Amino acid sequence: MELRRFFTTDSVKGTRNYLNTQKKYEIVRTILYFAISLSLFAAGYIQTGRRANLLSIVAVLGCLPASKSAVGAIMFLRFRSCAEETSAEIERHTQGLVCLYDMVFTSYKKNYVVSHMAVCGNTVCGYAEGEGAFGEADFYRHIGDILKADGHKNVTVKIFTNLTKYTERLDQMKRPEPEDGLTRSVVATLKSVAL
């Protein structure tokens, strides 16, 4: 049985509270992996009375996936999900739009946290919550290159740091017949490159 079943459906990338749920999952998984390695080491020591035994080797090898899981936990601990008040305000303006929550895009220079994204055809808008400069120009270059490399040539990307302006743009994006194939394709690309 997979450990994720004990968590809510928020553990799916792009859903609301994904980052908070993923943090919990990564922490529990890391503790479990290290506990297994520690218990193997203890069992070998108790059985043989010395540290040099076969179970110690297995325990040390078990530290490899545990360490990898610890790195994942540290990555997710750095970020937080979209605030409940903010997401409630955004949801009042998203009827008919394909939305993604808690998207973290990493580049060589910086990590970009986008609390909410809406995709409609070749238009992508997002809201970056929090203090500090977002680095819009670098983000547009980074995500534009990724979208072009995946075959999406004329995609417009705009990230807002003002919630009121973002919700106004969401109201403008609504249209009766969105391009479902293009929208799904752009969403798939965005999900594949996000943390």
N, C-alpha and C. Protein backbone atom coordinates (compact mmCIF):
# COMPACT_ATOMS: atom_id res chain seq x y z
N MET A 1 0.85 -1.17 0.00
CA MET A 1 0.00 0.00 0.00
C MET A 1 0.90 1.24 0.00
N GLU A 2 0.57 2.19 -0.80
CA GLU A 2 1.38 3.40 -0.91
C GLU A 2 1.05 4.37 0.21
N LEU A 3 2.09 5.04 0.70
CA LEU A 3 1.95 5.97 1.82
C LEU A 3 1.06 7.15 1.47
N ARG A 4 1.01 7.53 0.20
CA ARG A 4 0.22 8.70 -0.21
C ARG A 4 -1.27 8.53 0.05
N ARG A 5 -1.75 7.32 0.14
CA ARG A 5 -3.18 7.11 0.37
C ARG A 5 -3.63 7.66 1.71
N PHE A 6 -2.69 7.78 2.63
CA PHE A 6 -3.03 8.31 3.95
C PHE A 6 -3.15 9.82 3.93
N PHE A 7 -2.76 10.43 2.84
CA PHE A 7 -2.88 11.87 2.70
C PHE A 7 -4.05 12.17 1.78
N THR A 8 -4.46 13.43 1.75
CA THR A 8 -5.63 13.80 0.95
C THR A 8 -5.27 13.80 -0.53
N THR A 9 -6.25 14.09 -1.36
CA THR A 9 -6.02 14.18 -2.80
C THR A 9 -5.22 15.43 -3.16
N ASP A 10 -4.88 16.24 -2.15
CA ASP A 10 -4.07 17.43 -2.40
C ASP A 10 -2.65 17.08 -2.78
N SER A 11 -2.27 15.80 -2.72
CA SER A 11 -0.91 15.41 -3.05
C SER A 11 -0.70 15.31 -4.56
N VAL A 12 -1.68 15.67 -5.36
CA VAL A 12 -1.54 15.69 -6.81
C VAL A 12 -1.01 17.05 -7.22
N LYS A 13 0.06 17.05 -8.01
CA LYS A 13 0.68 18.30 -8.41
C LYS A 13 -0.32 19.21 -9.13
N GLY A 14 -0.32 20.47 -8.72
CA GLY A 14 -1.21 21.44 -9.32
C GLY A 14 -2.51 21.65 -8.56
N THR A 15 -2.77 20.85 -7.53
CA THR A 15 -3.99 21.02 -6.75
C THR A 15 -3.74 21.93 -5.55
N ARG A 16 -4.82 22.39 -5.00
CA ARG A 16 -4.74 23.29 -3.85
C ARG A 16 -4.11 22.58 -2.65
N ASN A 17 -3.23 23.25 -1.93
CA ASN A 17 -2.50 22.73 -0.77
C ASN A 17 -1.51 21.62 -1.11
N TYR A 18 -1.10 21.54 -2.36
CA TYR A 18 -0.15 20.51 -2.79
C TYR A 18 1.17 20.59 -2.02
N LEU A 19 1.72 21.78 -1.87
CA LEU A 19 3.01 21.92 -1.20
C LEU A 19 2.94 21.51 0.27
N ASN A 20 1.90 21.92 0.97
CA ASN A 20 1.76 21.55 2.37
C ASN A 20 1.59 20.04 2.55
N THR A 21 0.80 19.41 1.70
CA THR A 21 0.59 17.97 1.78
C THR A 21 1.87 17.22 1.40
N GLN A 22 2.55 17.70 0.39
CA GLN A 22 3.78 17.05 -0.05
C GLN A 22 4.87 17.14 1.01
N LYS A 23 4.91 18.25 1.75
CA LYS A 23 5.86 18.39 2.87
C LYS A 23 5.65 17.26 3.87
N LYS A 24 4.40 17.05 4.27
CA LYS A 24 4.09 16.01 5.25
C LYS A 24 4.49 14.63 4.73
N TYR A 25 4.15 14.37 3.48
CA TYR A 25 4.48 13.08 2.87
C TYR A 25 5.98 12.85 2.85
N GLU A 26 6.74 13.85 2.43
CA GLU A 26 8.19 13.71 2.34
C GLU A 26 8.82 13.51 3.71
N ILE A 27 8.34 14.22 4.72
CA ILE A 27 8.88 14.09 6.08
C ILE A 27 8.60 12.69 6.63
N VAL A 28 7.36 12.22 6.49
CA VAL A 28 7.01 10.88 6.99
C VAL A 28 7.81 9.82 6.26
N ARG A 29 7.94 9.94 4.96
CA ARG A 29 8.71 8.96 4.17
C ARG A 29 10.17 8.95 4.60
N THR A 30 10.75 10.12 4.82
CA THR A 30 12.15 10.21 5.24
C THR A 30 12.36 9.55 6.59
N ILE A 31 11.49 9.85 7.54
CA ILE A 31 11.59 9.23 8.87
C ILE A 31 11.46 7.72 8.77
N LEU A 32 10.52 7.25 7.96
CA LEU A 32 10.32 5.81 7.79
C LEU A 32 11.56 5.14 7.20
N TYR A 33 12.13 5.74 6.17
CA TYR A 33 13.33 5.16 5.54
C TYR A 33 14.50 5.10 6.51
N PHE A 34 14.72 6.18 7.26
CA PHE A 34 15.82 6.16 8.22
C PHE A 34 15.53 5.17 9.36
N ALA A 35 14.29 5.03 9.76
CA ALA A 35 13.93 4.07 10.82
C ALA A 35 14.20 2.65 10.37
N ILE A 36 13.92 2.36 9.11
CA ILE A 36 14.19 1.01 8.59
C ILE A 36 15.68 0.72 8.62
N SER A 37 16.49 1.68 8.17
CA SER A 37 17.95 1.48 8.19
C SER A 37 18.47 1.32 9.61
N LEU A 38 17.98 2.15 10.51
CA LEU A 38 18.41 2.07 11.90
C LEU A 38 18.00 0.74 12.54
N SER A 39 16.80 0.28 12.24
CA SER A 39 16.35 -1.00 12.81
C SER A 39 17.16 -2.17 12.25
N LEU A 40 17.54 -2.12 10.97
CA LEU A 40 18.39 -3.17 10.41
C LEU A 40 19.76 -3.19 11.08
N PHE A 41 20.32 -2.01 11.29
CA PHE A 41 21.60 -1.93 11.96
C PHE A 41 21.50 -2.49 13.38
N ALA A 42 20.45 -2.09 14.10
CA ALA A 42 20.26 -2.55 15.49
C ALA A 42 20.06 -4.07 15.53
N ALA A 43 19.31 -4.61 14.60
CA ALA A 43 19.07 -6.05 14.56
C ALA A 43 20.37 -6.80 14.33
N GLY A 44 21.19 -6.31 13.43
CA GLY A 44 22.49 -6.95 13.17
C GLY A 44 23.41 -6.87 14.38
N TYR A 45 23.41 -5.74 15.05
CA TYR A 45 24.27 -5.57 16.23
C TYR A 45 23.81 -6.44 17.38
N ILE A 46 22.51 -6.51 17.58
CA ILE A 46 21.96 -7.33 18.66
C ILE A 46 22.24 -8.81 18.40
N GLN A 47 22.12 -9.23 17.15
CA GLN A 47 22.29 -10.64 16.82
C GLN A 47 23.75 -11.08 16.88
N THR A 48 24.67 -10.24 16.38
CA THR A 48 26.07 -10.66 16.32
C THR A 48 26.93 -10.07 17.43
N GLY A 49 26.50 -8.98 18.03
CA GLY A 49 27.28 -8.36 19.09
C GLY A 49 28.38 -7.45 18.58
N ARG A 50 28.45 -7.22 17.29
CA ARG A 50 29.44 -6.30 16.73
C ARG A 50 28.84 -5.55 15.55
N ARG A 51 29.48 -4.43 15.20
CA ARG A 51 28.96 -3.58 14.12
C ARG A 51 29.23 -4.14 12.74
N ALA A 52 30.28 -4.85 12.57
CA ALA A 52 30.66 -5.38 11.26
C ALA A 52 29.88 -6.67 10.98
N ASN A 53 28.77 -6.52 10.27
CA ASN A 53 27.97 -7.68 9.89
C ASN A 53 27.21 -7.35 8.61
N LEU A 54 26.56 -8.33 8.07
CA LEU A 54 25.85 -8.17 6.79
C LEU A 54 24.69 -7.18 6.90
N LEU A 55 23.96 -7.20 8.00
CA LEU A 55 22.84 -6.27 8.15
C LEU A 55 23.31 -4.82 8.25
N SER A 56 24.51 -4.60 8.75
CA SER A 56 25.06 -3.23 8.79
C SER A 56 25.29 -2.71 7.38
N ILE A 57 25.75 -3.58 6.49
CA ILE A 57 25.95 -3.18 5.10
C ILE A 57 24.61 -2.84 4.45
N VAL A 58 23.60 -3.66 4.70
CA VAL A 58 22.27 -3.40 4.16
C VAL A 58 21.71 -2.09 4.74
N ALA A 59 21.97 -1.84 6.02
CA ALA A 59 21.50 -0.60 6.65
C ALA A 59 22.16 0.62 6.04
N VAL A 60 23.47 0.52 5.76
CA VAL A 60 24.18 1.63 5.13
C VAL A 60 23.65 1.87 3.72
N LEU A 61 23.41 0.82 2.99
CA LEU A 61 22.83 0.97 1.64
C LEU A 61 21.42 1.54 1.71
N GLY A 62 20.70 1.23 2.77
CA GLY A 62 19.36 1.77 2.96
C GLY A 62 19.36 3.26 3.23
N CYS A 63 20.50 3.78 3.65
CA CYS A 63 20.62 5.24 3.87
C CYS A 63 20.61 6.03 2.57
N LEU A 64 20.91 5.37 1.44
CA LEU A 64 20.90 6.08 0.15
C LEU A 64 19.50 6.58 -0.21
N PRO A 65 18.46 5.72 -0.26
CA PRO A 65 17.13 6.26 -0.55
C PRO A 65 16.61 7.18 0.57
N ALA A 66 17.03 6.91 1.80
CA ALA A 66 16.61 7.78 2.91
C ALA A 66 17.20 9.18 2.73
N SER A 67 18.44 9.25 2.32
CA SER A 67 19.07 10.56 2.09
C SER A 67 18.44 11.28 0.91
N LYS A 68 18.11 10.53 -0.12
CA LYS A 68 17.43 11.15 -1.27
C LYS A 68 16.07 11.70 -0.85
N SER A 69 15.38 10.97 -0.02
CA SER A 69 14.09 11.43 0.49
C SER A 69 14.27 12.66 1.37
N ALA A 70 15.35 12.71 2.13
CA ALA A 70 15.62 13.88 2.99
C ALA A 70 15.85 15.13 2.14
N VAL A 71 16.51 14.98 1.01
CA VAL A 71 16.71 16.12 0.11
C VAL A 71 15.37 16.62 -0.41
N GLY A 72 14.48 15.70 -0.79
CA GLY A 72 13.14 16.09 -1.23
C GLY A 72 12.37 16.81 -0.14
N ALA A 73 12.50 16.33 1.09
CA ALA A 73 11.81 16.97 2.21
C ALA A 73 12.33 18.38 2.43
N ILE A 74 13.63 18.55 2.34
CA ILE A 74 14.23 19.88 2.51
C ILE A 74 13.75 20.82 1.41
N MET A 75 13.65 20.33 0.19
CA MET A 75 13.16 21.17 -0.92
C MET A 75 11.74 21.64 -0.64
N PHE A 76 10.87 20.75 -0.22
CA PHE A 76 9.48 21.13 0.01
C PHE A 76 9.30 21.98 1.26
N LEU A 77 10.18 21.83 2.25
CA LEU A 77 10.08 22.64 3.46
C LEU A 77 10.33 24.12 3.17
N ARG A 78 10.98 24.42 2.08
CA ARG A 78 11.31 25.81 1.75
C ARG A 78 10.12 26.60 1.24
N PHE A 79 9.06 25.94 0.82
CA PHE A 79 7.94 26.61 0.17
C PHE A 79 6.65 26.36 0.94
N ARG A 80 5.68 27.26 0.74
CA ARG A 80 4.37 27.06 1.38
C ARG A 80 3.26 27.24 0.34
N SER A 81 2.14 26.65 0.64
CA SER A 81 0.98 26.69 -0.26
C SER A 81 0.34 28.06 -0.27
N CYS A 82 -0.53 28.26 -1.25
CA CYS A 82 -1.30 29.49 -1.36
C CYS A 82 -2.19 29.65 -0.13
N ALA A 83 -2.26 30.86 0.42
CA ALA A 83 -3.07 31.12 1.61
C ALA A 83 -4.54 30.86 1.32
N GLU A 84 -5.25 30.41 2.34
CA GLU A 84 -6.67 30.07 2.19
C GLU A 84 -7.51 31.26 1.73
N GLU A 85 -7.25 32.44 2.31
CA GLU A 85 -8.02 33.64 1.92
C GLU A 85 -7.77 34.00 0.47
N THR A 86 -6.51 33.89 0.07
CA THR A 86 -6.14 34.21 -1.31
C THR A 86 -6.79 33.24 -2.28
N SER A 87 -6.71 31.95 -1.98
CA SER A 87 -7.30 30.96 -2.89
C SER A 87 -8.82 31.09 -2.96
N ALA A 88 -9.46 31.45 -1.84
CA ALA A 88 -10.91 31.66 -1.87
C ALA A 88 -11.27 32.84 -2.76
N GLU A 89 -10.50 33.91 -2.69
CA GLU A 89 -10.74 35.08 -3.55
C GLU A 89 -10.52 34.72 -5.02
N ILE A 90 -9.47 33.98 -5.30
CA ILE A 90 -9.16 33.61 -6.69
C ILE A 90 -10.25 32.70 -7.25
N GLU A 91 -10.75 31.76 -6.46
CA GLU A 91 -11.74 30.81 -6.95
C GLU A 91 -13.06 31.48 -7.35
N ARG A 92 -13.32 32.65 -6.83
CA ARG A 92 -14.53 33.37 -7.25
C ARG A 92 -14.43 33.86 -8.69
N HIS A 93 -13.25 33.84 -9.26
CA HIS A 93 -13.03 34.40 -10.61
C HIS A 93 -12.55 33.36 -11.61
N THR A 94 -12.55 32.09 -11.27
CA THR A 94 -11.94 31.08 -12.15
C THR A 94 -12.91 30.15 -12.86
N GLN A 95 -14.20 30.42 -12.84
CA GLN A 95 -15.16 29.52 -13.47
C GLN A 95 -14.80 29.36 -14.95
N GLY A 96 -14.65 28.10 -15.36
CA GLY A 96 -14.38 27.80 -16.75
C GLY A 96 -12.91 27.82 -17.13
N LEU A 97 -12.02 28.12 -16.19
CA LEU A 97 -10.59 28.16 -16.47
C LEU A 97 -9.90 26.94 -15.89
N VAL A 98 -8.87 26.50 -16.56
CA VAL A 98 -8.04 25.42 -16.04
C VAL A 98 -7.03 26.05 -15.09
N CYS A 99 -7.01 25.60 -13.85
CA CYS A 99 -6.17 26.25 -12.82
C CYS A 99 -5.16 25.27 -12.22
N LEU A 100 -4.04 25.82 -11.83
CA LEU A 100 -2.99 25.09 -11.14
C LEU A 100 -2.61 25.85 -9.88
N TYR A 101 -2.45 25.16 -8.78
CA TYR A 101 -2.02 25.78 -7.52
C TYR A 101 -0.61 25.33 -7.18
N ASP A 102 0.07 26.14 -6.38
CA ASP A 102 1.33 25.78 -5.74
C ASP A 102 2.38 25.26 -6.72
N MET A 103 2.66 26.02 -7.73
CA MET A 103 3.65 25.63 -8.73
C MET A 103 5.00 26.27 -8.37
N VAL A 104 6.03 25.45 -8.28
CA VAL A 104 7.38 25.92 -8.00
C VAL A 104 8.25 25.54 -9.19
N PHE A 105 8.80 26.55 -9.85
CA PHE A 105 9.66 26.34 -11.00
C PHE A 105 11.10 26.65 -10.59
N THR A 106 12.00 25.73 -10.87
CA THR A 106 13.39 25.93 -10.49
C THR A 106 14.23 26.22 -11.73
N SER A 107 15.17 27.14 -11.59
CA SER A 107 16.14 27.41 -12.64
C SER A 107 17.52 27.38 -11.99
N TYR A 108 18.56 27.59 -12.77
CA TYR A 108 19.91 27.57 -12.21
C TYR A 108 20.14 28.74 -11.27
N LYS A 109 19.46 29.86 -11.51
CA LYS A 109 19.70 31.06 -10.72
C LYS A 109 18.73 31.22 -9.55
N LYS A 110 17.47 30.84 -9.73
CA LYS A 110 16.46 31.18 -8.75
C LYS A 110 15.30 30.19 -8.81
N ASN A 111 14.56 30.10 -7.70
CA ASN A 111 13.31 29.33 -7.66
C ASN A 111 12.15 30.31 -7.75
N TYR A 112 11.16 29.99 -8.55
CA TYR A 112 10.00 30.85 -8.74
C TYR A 112 8.77 30.14 -8.20
N VAL A 113 8.15 30.73 -7.19
CA VAL A 113 6.95 30.16 -6.58
C VAL A 113 5.74 30.93 -7.10
N VAL A 114 4.87 30.23 -7.80
CA VAL A 114 3.65 30.81 -8.34
C VAL A 114 2.49 30.14 -7.60
N SER A 115 1.78 30.92 -6.80
CA SER A 115 0.73 30.36 -5.94
C SER A 115 -0.45 29.83 -6.75
N HIS A 116 -0.78 30.50 -7.84
CA HIS A 116 -1.93 30.09 -8.66
C HIS A 116 -1.63 30.42 -10.11
N MET A 117 -2.04 29.53 -11.00
CA MET A 117 -1.92 29.78 -12.44
C MET A 117 -3.23 29.41 -13.11
N ALA A 118 -3.58 30.18 -14.12
CA ALA A 118 -4.75 29.88 -14.93
C ALA A 118 -4.29 29.77 -16.38
N VAL A 119 -4.77 28.75 -17.07
CA VAL A 119 -4.37 28.51 -18.45
C VAL A 119 -5.62 28.47 -19.31
N CYS A 120 -5.60 29.24 -20.38
CA CYS A 120 -6.70 29.25 -21.32
C CYS A 120 -6.11 29.38 -22.72
N GLY A 121 -6.05 28.27 -23.45
CA GLY A 121 -5.45 28.30 -24.78
C GLY A 121 -3.97 28.60 -24.69
N ASN A 122 -3.56 29.67 -25.38
CA ASN A 122 -2.15 30.03 -25.37
C ASN A 122 -1.86 31.16 -24.39
N THR A 123 -2.72 31.37 -23.41
CA THR A 123 -2.53 32.41 -22.39
C THR A 123 -2.36 31.75 -21.03
N VAL A 124 -1.27 32.12 -20.36
CA VAL A 124 -1.00 31.64 -19.01
C VAL A 124 -0.82 32.85 -18.11
N CYS A 125 -1.62 32.91 -17.06
CA CYS A 125 -1.50 33.98 -16.07
C CYS A 125 -1.28 33.34 -14.71
N GLY A 126 -0.52 34.03 -13.88
CA GLY A 126 -0.25 33.49 -12.56
C GLY A 126 -0.18 34.58 -11.51
N TYR A 127 -0.29 34.14 -10.27
CA TYR A 127 -0.21 35.06 -9.14
C TYR A 127 0.89 34.58 -8.21
N ALA A 128 1.87 35.45 -7.96
CA ALA A 128 2.97 35.15 -7.05
C ALA A 128 2.70 35.85 -5.74
N GLU A 129 2.47 35.05 -4.72
CA GLU A 129 2.15 35.55 -3.40
C GLU A 129 3.43 35.73 -2.60
N GLY A 130 3.45 36.68 -1.70
CA GLY A 130 4.58 36.82 -0.80
C GLY A 130 5.38 38.09 -1.03
N GLU A 131 6.32 38.30 -0.12
CA GLU A 131 7.13 39.50 -0.18
C GLU A 131 8.31 39.27 -1.11
N GLY A 132 8.94 40.37 -1.47
CA GLY A 132 10.14 40.29 -2.28
C GLY A 132 9.85 40.36 -3.76
N ALA A 133 10.90 40.63 -4.50
CA ALA A 133 10.79 40.73 -5.95
C ALA A 133 10.64 39.34 -6.54
N PHE A 134 9.78 39.23 -7.52
CA PHE A 134 9.54 37.94 -8.16
C PHE A 134 10.57 37.64 -9.24
N GLY A 135 11.10 38.64 -9.89
CA GLY A 135 12.03 38.41 -10.99
C GLY A 135 11.31 37.99 -12.25
N GLU A 136 10.34 38.83 -12.64
CA GLU A 136 9.46 38.50 -13.76
C GLU A 136 10.21 38.28 -15.06
N ALA A 137 11.15 39.14 -15.39
CA ALA A 137 11.85 39.03 -16.67
C ALA A 137 12.59 37.70 -16.78
N ASP A 138 13.29 37.31 -15.72
CA ASP A 138 14.00 36.03 -15.73
C ASP A 138 13.03 34.86 -15.81
N PHE A 139 11.90 34.96 -15.10
CA PHE A 139 10.91 33.89 -15.14
C PHE A 139 10.32 33.75 -16.54
N TYR A 140 9.98 34.87 -17.17
CA TYR A 140 9.40 34.81 -18.52
C TYR A 140 10.38 34.16 -19.49
N ARG A 141 11.64 34.50 -19.37
CA ARG A 141 12.66 33.92 -20.25
C ARG A 141 12.77 32.41 -19.97
N HIS A 142 12.81 32.06 -18.70
CA HIS A 142 12.96 30.65 -18.31
C HIS A 142 11.77 29.81 -18.78
N ILE A 143 10.57 30.23 -18.43
CA ILE A 143 9.38 29.43 -18.78
C ILE A 143 9.10 29.50 -20.29
N GLY A 144 9.42 30.64 -20.91
CA GLY A 144 9.25 30.76 -22.36
C GLY A 144 10.12 29.78 -23.11
N ASP A 145 11.37 29.63 -22.67
CA ASP A 145 12.27 28.66 -23.30
C ASP A 145 11.76 27.23 -23.15
N ILE A 146 11.23 26.93 -21.97
CA ILE A 146 10.70 25.58 -21.72
C ILE A 146 9.49 25.31 -22.62
N LEU A 147 8.58 26.29 -22.70
CA LEU A 147 7.38 26.10 -23.53
C LEU A 147 7.75 25.98 -25.01
N LYS A 148 8.69 26.79 -25.47
CA LYS A 148 9.14 26.70 -26.87
C LYS A 148 9.78 25.36 -27.16
N ALA A 149 10.60 24.88 -26.22
CA ALA A 149 11.26 23.59 -26.41
C ALA A 149 10.24 22.45 -26.48
N ASP A 150 9.09 22.62 -25.87
CA ASP A 150 8.04 21.60 -25.90
C ASP A 150 7.05 21.81 -27.05
N GLY A 151 7.34 22.78 -27.93
CA GLY A 151 6.52 22.98 -29.12
C GLY A 151 5.43 24.02 -29.00
N HIS A 152 5.39 24.80 -27.92
CA HIS A 152 4.38 25.84 -27.74
C HIS A 152 5.03 27.18 -28.06
N LYS A 153 4.82 27.65 -29.29
CA LYS A 153 5.55 28.82 -29.76
C LYS A 153 4.92 30.16 -29.38
N ASN A 154 3.63 30.28 -29.39
CA ASN A 154 2.97 31.57 -29.18
C ASN A 154 2.20 31.63 -27.86
N VAL A 155 2.82 31.18 -26.79
CA VAL A 155 2.18 31.20 -25.49
C VAL A 155 2.56 32.49 -24.77
N THR A 156 1.56 33.20 -24.28
CA THR A 156 1.77 34.43 -23.53
C THR A 156 1.73 34.11 -22.05
N VAL A 157 2.76 34.54 -21.31
CA VAL A 157 2.84 34.28 -19.87
C VAL A 157 2.92 35.61 -19.14
N LYS A 158 2.07 35.79 -18.12
CA LYS A 158 2.08 37.01 -17.30
C LYS A 158 1.87 36.60 -15.85
N ILE A 159 2.77 37.06 -14.98
CA ILE A 159 2.67 36.79 -13.56
C ILE A 159 2.36 38.10 -12.84
N PHE A 160 1.35 38.05 -11.98
CA PHE A 160 0.93 39.22 -11.22
C PHE A 160 1.38 39.07 -9.77
N THR A 161 1.71 40.18 -9.14
CA THR A 161 2.00 40.19 -7.71
C THR A 161 0.91 40.94 -6.95
N ASN A 162 -0.04 41.52 -7.68
CA ASN A 162 -1.17 42.24 -7.09
C ASN A 162 -2.42 41.39 -7.31
N LEU A 163 -3.07 40.99 -6.22
CA LEU A 163 -4.22 40.08 -6.30
C LEU A 163 -5.39 40.69 -7.05
N THR A 164 -5.66 41.98 -6.84
CA THR A 164 -6.78 42.63 -7.51
C THR A 164 -6.59 42.63 -9.02
N LYS A 165 -5.40 42.98 -9.47
CA LYS A 165 -5.13 42.98 -10.91
C LYS A 165 -5.20 41.57 -11.48
N TYR A 166 -4.76 40.59 -10.69
CA TYR A 166 -4.82 39.21 -11.15
C TYR A 166 -6.25 38.74 -11.32
N THR A 167 -7.11 39.01 -10.36
CA THR A 167 -8.50 38.58 -10.47
C THR A 167 -9.22 39.30 -11.62
N GLU A 168 -8.86 40.55 -11.88
CA GLU A 168 -9.41 41.26 -13.05
C GLU A 168 -9.00 40.56 -14.33
N ARG A 169 -7.74 40.13 -14.40
CA ARG A 169 -7.25 39.43 -15.60
C ARG A 169 -7.94 38.07 -15.75
N LEU A 170 -8.20 37.40 -14.63
CA LEU A 170 -8.92 36.13 -14.71
C LEU A 170 -10.30 36.31 -15.30
N ASP A 171 -10.99 37.39 -14.91
CA ASP A 171 -12.31 37.68 -15.47
C ASP A 171 -12.24 37.92 -16.98
N GLN A 172 -11.17 38.54 -17.43
CA GLN A 172 -10.99 38.81 -18.86
C GLN A 172 -10.65 37.55 -19.65
N MET A 173 -10.01 36.60 -19.00
CA MET A 173 -9.58 35.38 -19.70
C MET A 173 -10.72 34.45 -20.05
N LYS A 174 -11.82 34.54 -19.33
CA LYS A 174 -12.93 33.62 -19.56
C LYS A 174 -13.48 33.80 -20.96
N ARG A 175 -13.64 32.69 -21.62
CA ARG A 175 -14.26 32.73 -22.94
C ARG A 175 -15.08 31.46 -23.12
N PRO A 176 -16.07 31.49 -23.98
CA PRO A 176 -17.00 30.37 -24.06
C PRO A 176 -16.39 29.05 -24.52
N GLU A 177 -15.44 29.09 -25.46
CA GLU A 177 -14.90 27.85 -26.00
C GLU A 177 -13.38 27.86 -25.93
N PRO A 178 -12.80 27.44 -24.83
CA PRO A 178 -11.34 27.41 -24.75
C PRO A 178 -10.76 26.32 -25.65
N GLU A 179 -9.55 26.51 -26.07
CA GLU A 179 -8.87 25.53 -26.91
C GLU A 179 -8.39 24.41 -25.99
N ASP A 180 -9.21 23.37 -25.84
CA ASP A 180 -8.93 22.33 -24.86
C ASP A 180 -7.62 21.59 -25.13
N GLY A 181 -7.34 21.25 -26.40
CA GLY A 181 -6.11 20.52 -26.72
C GLY A 181 -4.87 21.31 -26.36
N LEU A 182 -4.85 22.58 -26.74
CA LEU A 182 -3.71 23.43 -26.44
C LEU A 182 -3.60 23.68 -24.94
N THR A 183 -4.72 23.92 -24.29
CA THR A 183 -4.71 24.15 -22.84
C THR A 183 -4.16 22.94 -22.11
N ARG A 184 -4.64 21.75 -22.45
CA ARG A 184 -4.15 20.53 -21.80
C ARG A 184 -2.66 20.33 -22.04
N SER A 185 -2.22 20.63 -23.23
CA SER A 185 -0.80 20.47 -23.57
C SER A 185 0.09 21.44 -22.79
N VAL A 186 -0.34 22.69 -22.68
CA VAL A 186 0.42 23.68 -21.92
C VAL A 186 0.44 23.30 -20.44
N VAL A 187 -0.70 22.86 -19.90
CA VAL A 187 -0.77 22.44 -18.50
C VAL A 187 0.16 21.26 -18.25
N ALA A 188 0.19 20.31 -19.16
CA ALA A 188 1.07 19.15 -19.01
C ALA A 188 2.54 19.57 -18.99
N THR A 189 2.90 20.52 -19.83
CA THR A 189 4.28 21.03 -19.83
C THR A 189 4.61 21.72 -18.52
N LEU A 190 3.71 22.57 -18.04
CA LEU A 190 3.95 23.29 -16.79
C LEU A 190 4.08 22.33 -15.61
N LYS A 191 3.23 21.32 -15.57
CA LYS A 191 3.31 20.33 -14.48
C LYS A 191 4.60 19.53 -14.54
N SER A 192 5.05 19.23 -15.74
CA SER A 192 6.24 18.40 -15.87
C SER A 192 7.52 19.11 -15.42
N VAL A 193 7.54 20.44 -15.47
CA VAL A 193 8.76 21.15 -15.07
C VAL A 193 8.67 21.75 -13.68
N ALA A 194 7.53 21.63 -13.03
CA ALA A 194 7.38 22.17 -11.67
C ALA A 194 7.80 21.15 -10.64
N LEU A 195 8.17 21.64 -9.46
CA LEU A 195 8.59 20.78 -8.35
C LEU A 195 7.41 19.99 -7.82
